[in-house]
Protein backbone atom coordinates (compact mmCIF):
# COMPACT_ATOMS: atom_id res chain seq x y z
CA MET A 1 73.50 104.27 101.68
CA PRO A 2 71.55 104.91 104.90
CA MET A 3 72.62 102.96 107.93
CA SER A 4 70.20 100.80 109.88
CA ASN A 5 69.20 102.04 113.32
CA THR A 6 71.02 99.15 115.00
CA ARG A 7 74.21 99.76 113.03
CA THR A 8 74.03 103.49 113.86
CA GLN A 9 73.38 102.62 117.51
CA ILE A 10 76.49 100.41 117.62
CA ILE A 11 78.68 103.03 115.94
CA GLU A 12 77.43 105.81 118.23
CA ALA A 13 77.92 103.65 121.34
CA SER A 14 81.44 102.88 120.13
CA ILE A 15 82.18 106.56 119.54
CA ASP A 16 81.02 107.38 123.09
CA LEU A 17 83.09 104.65 124.68
CA PHE A 18 86.17 105.03 122.47
CA ALA A 19 86.21 108.76 123.27
CA GLN A 20 85.93 108.04 127.01
CA SER A 21 88.30 105.10 127.40
CA GLY A 22 90.16 104.73 124.12
CA PHE A 23 89.36 102.11 121.51
CA TRP A 24 92.14 99.84 122.76
CA ASN A 25 90.61 99.85 126.29
CA THR A 26 87.02 99.27 125.23
CA PRO A 27 85.99 95.62 125.04
CA THR A 28 83.11 94.62 122.80
CA SER A 29 81.19 93.55 125.93
CA LYS A 30 81.06 97.20 127.01
CA ILE A 31 79.96 98.30 123.54
CA VAL A 32 77.05 95.86 123.40
CA LYS A 33 75.94 96.86 126.89
CA HIS A 34 76.12 100.58 126.04
CA ALA A 35 74.29 100.01 122.74
CA GLY A 36 71.65 97.82 124.42
CA ILE A 37 72.19 94.89 122.05
CA SER A 38 73.50 91.33 122.21
CA THR A 39 77.03 90.27 121.31
CA GLY A 40 75.62 88.28 118.40
CA THR A 41 73.95 91.40 117.04
CA LEU A 42 77.25 93.30 117.13
CA PHE A 43 78.96 90.58 115.12
CA ASN A 44 76.06 90.39 112.65
CA TYR A 45 76.96 93.95 111.68
CA PHE A 46 80.73 93.91 112.14
CA GLU A 47 83.10 91.04 111.42
CA SER A 48 85.43 91.95 114.30
CA LYS A 49 86.31 94.76 116.67
CA ASN A 50 88.85 95.97 114.10
CA GLY A 51 86.09 96.04 111.50
CA LEU A 52 84.03 98.16 113.90
CA ILE A 53 87.00 100.48 114.46
CA ASP A 54 87.30 100.90 110.68
CA GLU A 55 83.60 101.76 110.44
CA VAL A 56 83.80 104.28 113.30
CA PHE A 57 86.76 105.90 111.53
CA LEU A 58 84.89 106.00 108.21
CA GLN A 59 81.76 107.41 109.87
CA LEU A 60 83.72 110.25 111.49
CA ARG A 61 85.59 111.00 108.25
CA GLN A 62 82.30 111.03 106.33
CA GLU A 63 80.79 113.50 108.81
CA GLN A 64 83.87 115.71 108.64
CA THR A 65 84.06 115.54 104.84
CA ALA A 66 80.36 116.34 104.40
CA HIS A 67 80.80 119.40 106.63
CA ILE A 68 83.83 120.55 104.64
CA GLU A 69 82.25 119.92 101.25
CA ALA A 70 79.13 121.99 102.02
CA GLY A 71 79.36 125.17 99.97
CA TYR A 72 82.73 124.23 98.42
CA PRO A 73 83.52 126.80 95.72
CA GLU A 74 84.38 124.39 92.87
CA ASP A 75 84.99 127.26 90.44
CA GLY A 76 86.86 129.39 92.97
CA THR A 77 90.53 130.26 92.88
CA VAL A 78 92.98 127.90 94.55
CA ARG A 79 93.13 130.25 97.52
CA GLU A 80 89.33 130.38 97.83
CA ARG A 81 89.07 126.60 97.71
CA VAL A 82 91.89 126.01 100.22
CA GLU A 83 90.52 128.72 102.51
CA HIS A 84 87.06 127.13 102.39
CA ILE A 85 88.50 123.75 103.37
CA TRP A 86 90.53 125.40 106.13
CA PHE A 87 87.57 127.24 107.66
CA ARG A 88 85.17 124.31 107.40
CA GLU A 89 87.64 121.77 108.77
CA ILE A 90 88.44 123.91 111.81
CA ASP A 91 84.75 124.69 112.27
CA TRP A 92 83.95 120.96 112.36
CA GLY A 93 86.70 120.27 114.90
CA VAL A 94 85.51 123.08 117.19
CA ARG A 95 81.82 122.14 116.88
CA PHE A 96 82.50 118.46 117.53
CA PRO A 97 85.63 118.32 119.72
CA VAL A 98 85.01 114.80 121.03
CA ARG A 99 84.54 113.43 117.52
CA TYR A 100 87.51 115.45 116.23
CA ARG A 101 89.86 114.15 118.95
CA LEU A 102 88.72 110.57 118.45
CA LEU A 103 89.23 110.90 114.70
CA GLN A 104 92.76 112.20 115.34
CA GLN A 105 93.51 109.17 117.52
CA LEU A 106 92.11 106.81 114.93
CA LYS A 107 94.14 108.42 112.12
CA LEU A 108 97.32 107.75 114.06
CA SER A 109 96.34 104.24 115.06
CA ASP A 110 97.68 101.13 113.44
CA LEU A 111 94.30 99.53 114.21
CA VAL A 112 92.58 101.37 111.35
CA SER A 113 93.18 99.38 108.19
CA ARG A 114 95.00 100.80 105.17
CA ASP A 115 91.84 100.05 103.17
CA ALA A 116 89.69 102.22 105.49
CA LYS A 117 92.21 105.05 105.36
CA ASP A 118 92.32 104.86 101.55
CA ARG A 119 88.51 104.74 101.31
CA SER A 120 88.25 107.81 103.54
CA TRP A 121 90.28 109.78 101.00
CA ASP A 122 87.97 108.71 98.19
CA GLN A 123 85.34 110.98 99.79
CA TRP A 124 87.57 113.97 98.98
CA SER A 125 87.07 113.78 95.21
CA PHE A 126 85.64 117.31 95.33
CA ALA A 127 89.05 118.74 96.32
CA LYS A 128 91.67 116.22 95.19
CA ASN A 129 93.13 118.48 92.52
CA VAL A 130 93.54 121.69 94.50
CA ILE A 131 97.02 120.96 95.93
CA PRO A 132 98.50 119.55 92.69
CA GLU A 133 97.04 122.55 90.84
CA ALA A 134 98.66 124.95 93.32
CA ILE A 135 102.05 123.23 92.99
CA GLU A 136 101.93 122.92 89.18
CA SER A 137 100.93 126.56 88.76
CA GLY A 138 103.84 127.72 90.93
CA LEU A 139 101.52 129.19 93.55
CA TYR A 140 102.79 126.74 96.19
CA ARG A 141 106.45 126.16 96.82
CA ASP A 142 108.00 123.31 94.86
CA VAL A 143 107.26 120.45 97.25
CA THR A 144 105.32 117.22 97.03
CA VAL A 145 101.58 116.95 97.52
CA GLU A 146 102.20 114.69 100.53
CA PHE A 147 104.42 117.30 102.20
CA VAL A 148 101.91 120.10 101.61
CA ALA A 149 99.15 117.92 103.08
CA ARG A 150 101.23 117.16 106.19
CA VAL A 151 102.06 120.84 106.71
CA ALA A 152 98.39 121.75 106.30
CA PHE A 153 97.28 119.07 108.76
CA ALA A 154 99.85 120.15 111.35
CA HIS A 155 98.82 123.82 111.08
CA ARG A 156 95.14 122.95 111.06
CA ASP A 157 95.40 120.65 114.06
CA ALA A 158 97.27 123.32 116.03
CA ALA A 159 94.54 125.84 115.16
CA ILE A 160 91.76 123.44 116.22
CA ASP A 161 93.48 122.46 119.47
CA TYR A 162 94.06 126.12 120.34
CA ALA A 163 90.44 127.07 119.59
CA ILE A 164 89.10 124.17 121.68
CA THR A 165 91.50 124.77 124.58
CA PHE A 166 90.72 128.48 124.79
CA GLU A 167 87.02 127.96 124.02
CA LEU A 168 86.99 130.45 121.16
CA THR A 169 83.58 131.32 119.76
CA ASP A 170 81.97 133.85 117.44
CA MET A 171 84.24 136.68 116.29
CA ALA A 172 87.25 135.47 118.30
CA LEU A 173 87.00 132.08 116.55
CA THR A 174 86.57 133.64 113.12
CA LYS A 175 89.62 135.87 113.65
CA HIS A 176 91.65 132.91 114.90
CA ILE A 177 90.75 130.80 111.86
CA ALA A 178 91.57 133.67 109.50
CA ARG A 179 94.94 134.31 111.19
CA SER A 180 95.85 130.65 111.24
CA PHE A 181 95.00 130.42 107.54
CA GLU A 182 97.22 133.44 106.74
CA ILE A 183 100.12 131.84 108.63
CA TYR A 184 99.68 128.62 106.67
CA TRP A 185 99.15 130.38 103.33
CA THR A 186 102.15 132.67 103.73
CA GLY A 187 104.37 129.74 104.63
CA ILE A 188 103.36 127.51 101.73
CA THR A 189 103.04 129.96 98.84
CA SER A 190 105.99 131.09 96.75
């Protein structure tokens, strides 16, 4: 469903300000000023500031997920599918570091509702079975899906932070992503 221009304007203004000052330090008065709208307009689109925070979170997750899903090898081996996700997720974080860092803050926040977090995972239907398949087949060590996901996120986040900090581009970035994937893959496979 396409967003209205005003709704997009509000979300983008919120992303700018949340990234600069943190979502907890950004009053709605600043958001409406930055978006060039009235307070009433903001609350016509969003029930509350927490509702806006949920929508910013969902927007960033949708952007990230769309980037990851592009070219996903549905018929590929488990390794090919996991490697695709790995490369695309790191690529998104490096291309959009402000959005990536804000998304990380939002993921850890207790201000994002459980419903929004659950809905964000619904976007991952294209890859939901890859980890269970790897565990059931014996390819991954005998651990839970939740543990594998947490290990993957920790490795991935370290790889993104390193690439952003050291401003890796081109071949250096590609080598870094490949090495980080090998470290993850070697650690999780049997």
